[in-house]
Amino acid sequence: MKRYYLAAILLHLVVLFWVNPSSGQTVPPKKPERYLEVTLSSEPGPAQPGPDSGPGDKAKSSVRPGPMVDDSPPPVATITQEVAPPLPTPEPPPDILPPEPLPTPVLAEPTPVAVAPPPPVEPSLIPTPTPPPVTQPPPATPPVEVNSSPSPTQSGTLSGAPVSGTGKGNAIQWSLGTGGNGHFYEAVCVPEGITWDDAQKYALLHNGYLATIASAAENLYVFKLIDDPKYWRPSAMSYYNLGPWIGAFKTPYGWQWLNGEGQATYTHWAARQPDNARGIQARVHYYSWQPNVRQPTWDDLENEDLQRGFVVEYDHDPASLPLNTAAAAAFTEPVGIAPPPPPPSPFRKR
C-alpha cells in the first residue's frame, strides 16, 4: 500500500510540473482542461523489495495522456478607428490698439471789458425814505358771527345752496312770490357754542324768535341757510353731526313751537328720534346720523348743550326795528300753551 501512495504522489507532481521537450522549460498547466488519466491496478507482478512489502505483492500502473487543448493564442481582432483630421490652429487676433485721446480744447482767455463808473448823483435827487405806516390793531371779534347774506333787493346763493329772497341787513326774506310766507330768516354762527336759551334771548333782542317750521318747504328753505360746516360740529365720539338750534321745545302737552304758535303739527325727526336720552332732552336742533354729513332732520337735546349756530325768524324786517332789550332780559324759559279743551260730546248724560 505504501508503494501505491508513493506512485500517486509522484504522478501528481508530474502533472503539476509538465516538461516541454522542445524547449526544455518547465511549463505549469494553464487550464484545468489538460489532465492525465492514471489507472492503478493491483495485479501481482514483480515488486521492488522494501521493508514493509511481502514477497508476493505486485503493482501495475499505466499512465496515458488525456485530450490536449490547443495552446495557440486566439486571433487578435483588429479595430480600425477613423481619426478626424486635426483642426486648424486659429490665428491670434490682431492687436487692438487703444483709441487715441481727444485733443484738449484750448479756451481763449476772456478779454476784459472796461466798465465806465456811474455818474455822480446830486444830493437833491436822492429820495427820502418814507416811514412805514402805523397799523392799528384789528377790532375785537364779536362772539356771534352772522352769516353773509346777499346784498339788498338781490337774489343770490348762500353756503353753496340757492336762496331766493330779498336781503335786508343780515336777514333774508322768503318772499311770497317764491312760495314763501314773507318772513325773514337769519342764520347765526357761534364758533364757541351757545345754549338754546341764550339763542332765544339773542332772537328776542333783535325782535325775532328761533325759527318755527310749519311745512316741508319751510324746513328745506331753512336748511339751505345752514348747510355749511361752520354751523355744525361732530359729536363727542364723532358718530353724529350736530347742527343749529330751531324753535321747538317739549312741554307737558307735547312738542310745541315758540311765539305762541302752539302744537308742532309738522315734524321731521331723524331715525329713532326723539329719544329723550337721560330724560332731560327738551330742545330741538338739526341733526344727522352720519358724521361729516348734513341733513334736514331733527333731534332732541338738552338745553345746556352747546351748538355752533341757530336760525332766527322775523315776522317783519329787523333792520327797521330797534333792539328789544326788555324782551331779551325778561326771557327765562319757554312756556308751553295748554291745548284747548275737547269739544263737548253731542250725547248728554242722563
Protein backbone atom coordinates (compact mmCIF):
# COMPACT_ATOMS: atom_id res chain seq x y z
CA MET A 1 0.00 0.00 0.00
CA LYS A 2 2.81 2.41 0.67
CA ARG A 3 4.10 1.96 -2.85
CA TYR A 4 0.64 2.74 -4.14
CA TYR A 5 0.53 6.02 -2.31
CA LEU A 6 4.04 6.99 -3.37
CA ALA A 7 3.20 6.35 -7.03
CA ALA A 8 0.10 8.52 -6.75
CA ILE A 9 2.10 11.38 -5.23
CA LEU A 10 4.73 11.08 -7.96
CA LEU A 11 2.12 11.21 -10.69
CA HIS A 12 0.57 14.22 -9.08
CA LEU A 13 3.89 16.03 -9.12
CA VAL A 14 4.40 15.14 -12.76
CA VAL A 15 1.06 16.61 -13.59
CA LEU A 16 1.87 19.80 -11.75
CA PHE A 17 5.28 20.24 -13.39
CA TRP A 18 5.00 19.20 -17.00
CA VAL A 19 8.20 19.36 -19.03
CA ASN A 20 8.08 20.73 -22.62
CA PRO A 21 10.50 18.53 -24.58
CA SER A 22 11.04 21.15 -27.33
CA SER A 23 12.22 23.96 -25.13
CA GLY A 24 13.32 22.13 -22.05
CA GLN A 25 11.40 24.59 -19.84
CA THR A 26 9.02 23.61 -17.17
CA VAL A 27 5.53 24.84 -18.09
CA PRO A 28 2.85 24.73 -15.46
CA PRO A 29 -0.60 23.78 -16.67
CA LYS A 30 -2.59 26.81 -17.89
CA LYS A 31 -6.06 25.45 -17.70
CA PRO A 32 -7.77 22.62 -15.94
CA GLU A 33 -8.60 21.06 -19.35
CA ARG A 34 -5.13 19.44 -19.51
CA TYR A 35 -5.11 16.37 -17.39
CA LEU A 36 -3.67 12.83 -17.28
CA GLU A 37 -5.57 9.65 -16.83
CA VAL A 38 -3.93 7.43 -14.29
CA THR A 39 -5.04 3.85 -13.97
CA LEU A 40 -3.94 1.95 -10.97
CA SER A 41 -4.34 -1.81 -10.70
CA SER A 42 -3.47 -4.33 -8.01
CA GLU A 43 -2.40 -7.23 -10.29
CA PRO A 44 0.51 -9.35 -8.92
CA GLY A 45 3.88 -8.87 -10.54
CA PRO A 46 7.44 -8.24 -9.76
CA ALA A 47 7.76 -5.81 -6.91
CA GLN A 48 10.62 -3.96 -5.53
CA PRO A 49 11.77 -5.20 -2.21
CA GLY A 50 11.04 -2.97 0.66
CA PRO A 51 10.95 -3.06 4.31
CA ASP A 52 7.16 -3.37 4.56
CA SER A 53 6.37 -5.33 1.35
CA GLY A 54 5.81 -9.04 1.11
CA PRO A 55 7.31 -11.42 -1.37
CA GLY A 56 4.12 -11.82 -3.39
CA ASP A 57 2.99 -8.22 -3.74
CA LYS A 58 2.79 -6.85 -7.30
CA ALA A 59 1.68 -3.43 -8.55
CA LYS A 60 0.97 -2.27 -12.04
CA SER A 61 0.31 1.27 -13.14
CA SER A 62 -0.32 2.81 -16.50
CA VAL A 63 -0.34 6.50 -17.47
CA ARG A 64 -1.78 7.87 -20.71
CA PRO A 65 -2.21 11.41 -21.69
CA GLY A 66 -5.72 12.83 -21.89
CA PRO A 67 -7.10 15.09 -24.57
CA MET A 68 -4.91 18.17 -25.26
CA VAL A 69 -6.17 21.69 -25.75
CA ASP A 70 -4.72 23.99 -28.37
CA ASP A 71 -2.37 26.41 -26.61
CA SER A 72 -2.02 28.75 -29.57
CA PRO A 73 -3.14 32.30 -28.76
CA PRO A 74 -6.56 33.29 -30.13
CA PRO A 75 -6.66 35.55 -33.19
CA VAL A 76 -6.41 39.22 -32.32
CA ALA A 77 -9.22 41.37 -33.71
CA THR A 78 -8.03 44.46 -35.46
CA ILE A 79 -10.16 47.56 -34.77
CA THR A 80 -9.83 50.31 -37.26
CA GLN A 81 -10.89 53.75 -35.98
CA GLU A 82 -11.19 56.72 -38.23
CA VAL A 83 -9.37 59.68 -36.78
CA ALA A 84 -10.66 63.12 -37.67
CA PRO A 85 -8.14 65.42 -39.23
CA PRO A 86 -6.67 67.93 -36.76
CA LEU A 87 -8.39 71.27 -36.52
CA PRO A 88 -6.55 74.20 -37.99
CA THR A 89 -4.78 76.31 -35.43
CA PRO A 90 -6.66 79.60 -35.05
CA GLU A 91 -4.66 82.63 -35.83
CA PRO A 92 -4.16 85.03 -32.93
CA PRO A 93 -6.39 88.10 -33.07
CA PRO A 94 -4.79 91.25 -34.25
CA ASP A 95 -3.57 93.59 -31.58
CA ILE A 96 -6.27 96.11 -30.51
CA LEU A 97 -4.77 99.47 -30.10
CA PRO A 98 -6.34 101.88 -27.56
CA PRO A 99 -8.18 104.85 -29.06
CA GLU A 100 -6.19 107.95 -29.45
CA PRO A 101 -7.01 110.59 -26.80
CA LEU A 102 -9.04 113.54 -27.92
CA PRO A 103 -7.21 116.80 -28.13
CA THR A 104 -7.75 119.09 -25.16
CA PRO A 105 -9.62 122.21 -26.25
CA VAL A 106 -7.81 125.39 -25.57
CA LEU A 107 -10.07 128.13 -24.25
CA ALA A 108 -9.31 131.62 -25.18
CA GLU A 109 -8.84 133.98 -22.29
CA PRO A 110 -11.72 136.46 -21.91
CA THR A 111 -10.98 139.93 -22.95
CA PRO A 112 -11.54 142.35 -20.06
CA VAL A 113 -14.26 144.90 -20.70
CA ALA A 114 -13.84 148.30 -19.27
CA VAL A 115 -16.93 149.47 -17.30
CA ALA A 116 -17.46 153.14 -17.03
CA PRO A 117 -18.23 154.35 -13.47
CA PRO A 118 -21.79 155.64 -12.86
CA PRO A 119 -22.24 159.36 -12.97
CA PRO A 120 -22.46 161.09 -9.63
CA VAL A 121 -25.98 161.68 -8.23
CA GLU A 122 -26.88 165.05 -6.92
CA PRO A 123 -27.93 165.05 -3.26
CA SER A 124 -31.19 166.80 -4.12
CA LEU A 125 -32.27 163.90 -6.34
CA ILE A 126 -31.82 161.20 -3.67
CA PRO A 127 -35.34 160.15 -2.46
CA THR A 128 -36.04 160.43 1.22
CA PRO A 129 -37.23 157.10 2.73
CA THR A 130 -40.84 157.14 3.83
CA PRO A 131 -41.51 155.64 7.27
CA PRO A 132 -43.84 152.60 7.28
CA PRO A 133 -47.45 153.34 8.14
CA VAL A 134 -48.56 152.62 11.65
CA THR A 135 -51.04 149.74 11.63
CA GLN A 136 -53.89 149.81 14.09
CA PRO A 137 -54.81 146.58 15.85
CA PRO A 138 -57.96 144.98 14.42
CA PRO A 139 -61.13 145.43 16.42
CA ALA A 140 -62.18 142.66 18.74
CA THR A 141 -64.27 139.98 17.05
CA PRO A 142 -67.78 139.81 18.45
CA PRO A 143 -68.72 136.44 19.96
CA VAL A 144 -71.59 135.98 17.49
CA GLU A 145 -70.89 135.74 13.78
CA VAL A 146 -73.81 136.41 11.46
CA ASN A 147 -73.87 134.65 8.11
CA SER A 148 -73.03 136.61 4.98
CA SER A 149 -76.19 137.35 3.04
CA PRO A 150 -76.80 138.77 -0.46
CA SER A 151 -76.95 142.49 -0.88
CA PRO A 152 -80.39 144.21 -0.50
CA THR A 153 -83.00 143.66 -3.21
CA GLN A 154 -80.89 140.97 -4.82
CA SER A 155 -81.18 137.19 -5.04
CA GLY A 156 -78.05 135.13 -4.55
CA THR A 157 -76.54 131.96 -3.09
CA LEU A 158 -75.68 131.13 0.48
CA SER A 159 -73.38 128.26 1.58
CA GLY A 160 -73.44 126.81 -1.91
CA ALA A 161 -77.26 126.37 -1.89
CA PRO A 162 -79.60 128.62 -3.88
CA VAL A 163 -81.59 131.02 -1.72
CA SER A 164 -84.35 133.13 -3.26
CA GLY A 165 -85.44 136.26 -1.45
CA THR A 166 -84.70 139.89 -0.70
CA GLY A 167 -81.93 140.55 1.81
CA LYS A 168 -82.38 143.25 4.45
CA GLY A 169 -79.39 143.59 6.74
CA ASN A 170 -78.37 140.13 7.94
CA ALA A 171 -81.76 138.50 7.37
CA ILE A 172 -83.15 137.06 4.13
CA GLN A 173 -86.81 137.21 3.23
CA TRP A 174 -88.66 134.18 1.97
CA SER A 175 -90.87 136.11 -0.42
CA LEU A 176 -94.46 135.25 -1.22
CA GLY A 177 -93.68 135.22 -4.92
CA THR A 178 -91.48 132.15 -4.49
CA GLY A 179 -93.98 130.23 -2.38
CA GLY A 180 -92.76 131.59 0.94
CA ASN A 181 -94.54 133.17 3.89
CA GLY A 182 -92.96 136.66 3.66
CA HIS A 183 -90.90 136.18 6.87
CA PHE A 184 -87.20 136.91 7.26
CA TYR A 185 -84.64 134.29 8.33
CA GLU A 186 -81.16 134.75 9.76
CA ALA A 187 -78.53 132.04 10.27
CA VAL A 188 -76.18 132.94 13.15
CA CYS A 189 -72.81 131.21 13.74
CA VAL A 190 -71.30 130.95 17.21
CA PRO A 191 -67.95 129.10 16.97
CA GLU A 192 -67.54 128.71 20.75
CA GLY A 193 -71.08 127.33 21.11
CA ILE A 194 -74.34 128.63 22.56
CA THR A 195 -77.24 127.12 24.52
CA TRP A 196 -80.82 127.02 23.30
CA ASP A 197 -81.99 129.60 25.88
CA ASP A 198 -79.21 132.09 25.00
CA ALA A 199 -80.01 131.71 21.31
CA GLN A 200 -83.64 132.58 22.05
CA LYS A 201 -82.51 135.68 24.02
CA TYR A 202 -80.50 136.87 21.02
CA ALA A 203 -83.54 136.39 18.81
CA LEU A 204 -85.79 138.35 21.19
CA LEU A 205 -83.21 141.16 21.39
CA HIS A 206 -83.45 141.57 17.62
CA ASN A 207 -87.28 141.34 17.58
CA GLY A 208 -87.37 137.74 16.41
CA TYR A 209 -87.58 134.16 17.75
CA LEU A 210 -85.98 130.82 16.98
CA ALA A 211 -87.34 129.57 13.67
CA THR A 212 -90.66 127.76 13.78
CA ILE A 213 -91.16 125.37 10.88
CA ALA A 214 -94.67 124.53 9.76
CA SER A 215 -94.08 122.68 6.45
CA ALA A 216 -91.58 120.63 4.49
CA ALA A 217 -90.97 123.56 2.12
CA GLU A 218 -90.09 125.86 5.00
CA ASN A 219 -87.84 123.20 6.54
CA LEU A 220 -85.91 122.85 3.27
CA TYR A 221 -85.59 126.62 2.91
CA VAL A 222 -84.18 126.99 6.45
CA PHE A 223 -81.82 124.04 5.95
CA LYS A 224 -80.27 125.75 2.92
CA LEU A 225 -79.31 128.68 5.15
CA ILE A 226 -77.28 126.47 7.49
CA ASP A 227 -75.95 123.86 5.03
CA ASP A 228 -72.39 124.87 5.83
CA PRO A 229 -69.75 123.11 8.01
CA LYS A 230 -69.30 126.19 10.24
CA TYR A 231 -72.81 125.73 11.69
CA TRP A 232 -72.23 122.02 12.51
CA ARG A 233 -70.00 120.09 14.86
CA PRO A 234 -69.23 116.37 15.34
CA SER A 235 -70.42 114.55 18.43
CA ALA A 236 -68.07 113.56 21.25
CA MET A 237 -67.26 110.20 19.63
CA SER A 238 -67.60 111.58 16.06
CA TYR A 239 -70.54 109.27 15.46
CA TYR A 240 -73.07 112.01 14.61
CA ASN A 241 -73.17 115.52 13.16
CA LEU A 242 -74.92 118.15 15.30
CA GLY A 243 -76.47 121.23 13.68
CA PRO A 244 -78.06 124.57 14.71
CA TRP A 245 -80.96 125.17 17.11
CA ILE A 246 -84.54 125.79 15.96
CA GLY A 247 -87.56 126.94 18.00
CA ALA A 248 -89.26 123.69 19.10
CA PHE A 249 -89.33 122.60 22.74
CA LYS A 250 -91.03 119.94 24.85
CA THR A 251 -93.96 120.71 27.19
CA PRO A 252 -96.29 118.60 29.29
CA TYR A 253 -98.66 118.85 26.32
CA GLY A 254 -96.14 117.60 23.73
CA TRP A 255 -93.74 119.34 21.33
CA GLN A 256 -94.62 122.97 20.65
CA TRP A 257 -93.22 125.99 18.79
CA LEU A 258 -92.19 129.37 20.18
CA ASN A 259 -94.00 132.66 19.50
CA GLY A 260 -97.28 131.24 20.67
CA GLU A 261 -97.80 129.01 17.63
CA GLY A 262 -98.68 126.11 19.90
CA GLN A 263 -98.57 122.45 18.96
CA ALA A 264 -95.97 121.31 16.39
CA THR A 265 -98.15 119.76 13.73
CA TYR A 266 -95.22 119.29 11.33
CA THR A 267 -92.03 117.48 12.39
CA HIS A 268 -89.06 115.95 10.57
CA TRP A 269 -87.32 113.77 13.15
CA ALA A 270 -84.24 111.69 12.31
CA ALA A 271 -84.40 107.92 12.63
CA ARG A 272 -85.11 106.76 16.24
CA GLN A 273 -85.67 110.34 17.39
CA PRO A 274 -86.77 111.91 19.67
CA ASP A 275 -85.36 109.54 22.29
CA ASN A 276 -85.24 111.88 25.36
CA ALA A 277 -81.88 110.46 26.45
CA ARG A 278 -81.30 110.73 30.22
CA GLY A 279 -84.82 112.20 30.47
CA ILE A 280 -83.65 115.82 30.05
CA GLN A 281 -83.73 116.42 26.30
CA ALA A 282 -86.40 119.06 25.68
CA ARG A 283 -84.94 121.23 22.84
CA VAL A 284 -84.70 120.66 19.06
CA HIS A 285 -81.82 121.13 16.61
CA TYR A 286 -80.76 119.90 13.19
CA TYR A 287 -79.03 116.52 13.30
CA SER A 288 -77.50 113.82 11.07
CA TRP A 289 -76.82 110.18 11.90
CA GLN A 290 -73.75 110.18 9.64
CA PRO A 291 -70.54 112.04 10.57
CA ASN A 292 -69.47 114.85 8.22
CA VAL A 293 -72.89 114.75 6.55
CA ARG A 294 -75.54 117.46 6.91
CA GLN A 295 -79.23 116.56 6.65
CA PRO A 296 -82.51 118.48 7.24
CA THR A 297 -83.56 116.07 10.02
CA TRP A 298 -84.12 116.88 13.69
CA ASP A 299 -83.08 115.59 17.11
CA ASP A 300 -83.96 116.38 20.72
CA LEU A 301 -81.20 117.65 23.02
CA GLU A 302 -80.78 119.20 26.47
CA ASN A 303 -80.66 122.99 26.78
CA GLU A 304 -77.14 123.05 28.29
CA ASP A 305 -75.59 121.53 25.20
CA LEU A 306 -73.56 124.00 23.11
CA GLN A 307 -74.26 124.21 19.38
CA ARG A 308 -72.36 126.30 16.84
CA GLY A 309 -75.36 128.14 15.46
CA PHE A 310 -79.10 128.81 15.37
CA VAL A 311 -81.72 130.19 12.99
CA VAL A 312 -83.81 133.28 13.83
CA GLU A 313 -87.17 134.03 12.20
CA TYR A 314 -88.65 137.55 11.95
CA ASP A 315 -92.20 138.46 11.09
CA HIS A 316 -91.01 141.86 9.80
CA ASP A 317 -87.80 143.40 8.53
CA PRO A 318 -85.49 143.52 11.63
CA ALA A 319 -83.37 146.33 10.16
CA SER A 320 -86.20 148.84 10.66
CA LEU A 321 -86.81 147.99 14.35
CA PRO A 322 -84.77 148.97 17.44
CA LEU A 323 -83.31 146.36 19.76
CA ASN A 324 -85.78 144.92 22.25
CA THR A 325 -83.67 144.65 25.40
CA ALA A 326 -86.69 144.30 27.66
CA ALA A 327 -87.90 141.15 25.91
CA ALA A 328 -84.44 139.61 25.99
CA ALA A 329 -84.00 140.34 29.70
CA ALA A 330 -87.43 139.03 30.64
CA PHE A 331 -86.94 135.62 29.00
CA THR A 332 -86.19 132.78 31.41
CA GLU A 333 -87.56 129.64 29.75
CA PRO A 334 -90.21 128.81 27.20
CA VAL A 335 -93.74 128.36 28.39
CA GLY A 336 -96.00 125.83 26.80
CA ILE A 337 -99.58 126.53 25.83
CA ALA A 338 -102.22 124.18 27.11
CA PRO A 339 -104.25 122.69 24.30
CA PRO A 340 -107.88 123.75 24.10
CA PRO A 341 -110.37 121.55 25.90
CA PRO A 342 -112.05 118.93 23.75
CA PRO A 343 -115.41 119.88 22.28
CA PRO A 344 -118.45 118.80 24.27
CA SER A 345 -119.92 115.43 23.39
CA PRO A 346 -123.16 115.56 21.42
CA PHE A 347 -124.55 112.91 23.71
CA ARG A 348 -125.79 114.17 27.09
CA LYS A 349 -125.60 112.07 30.20
CA ARG A 350 -128.91 111.20 31.76
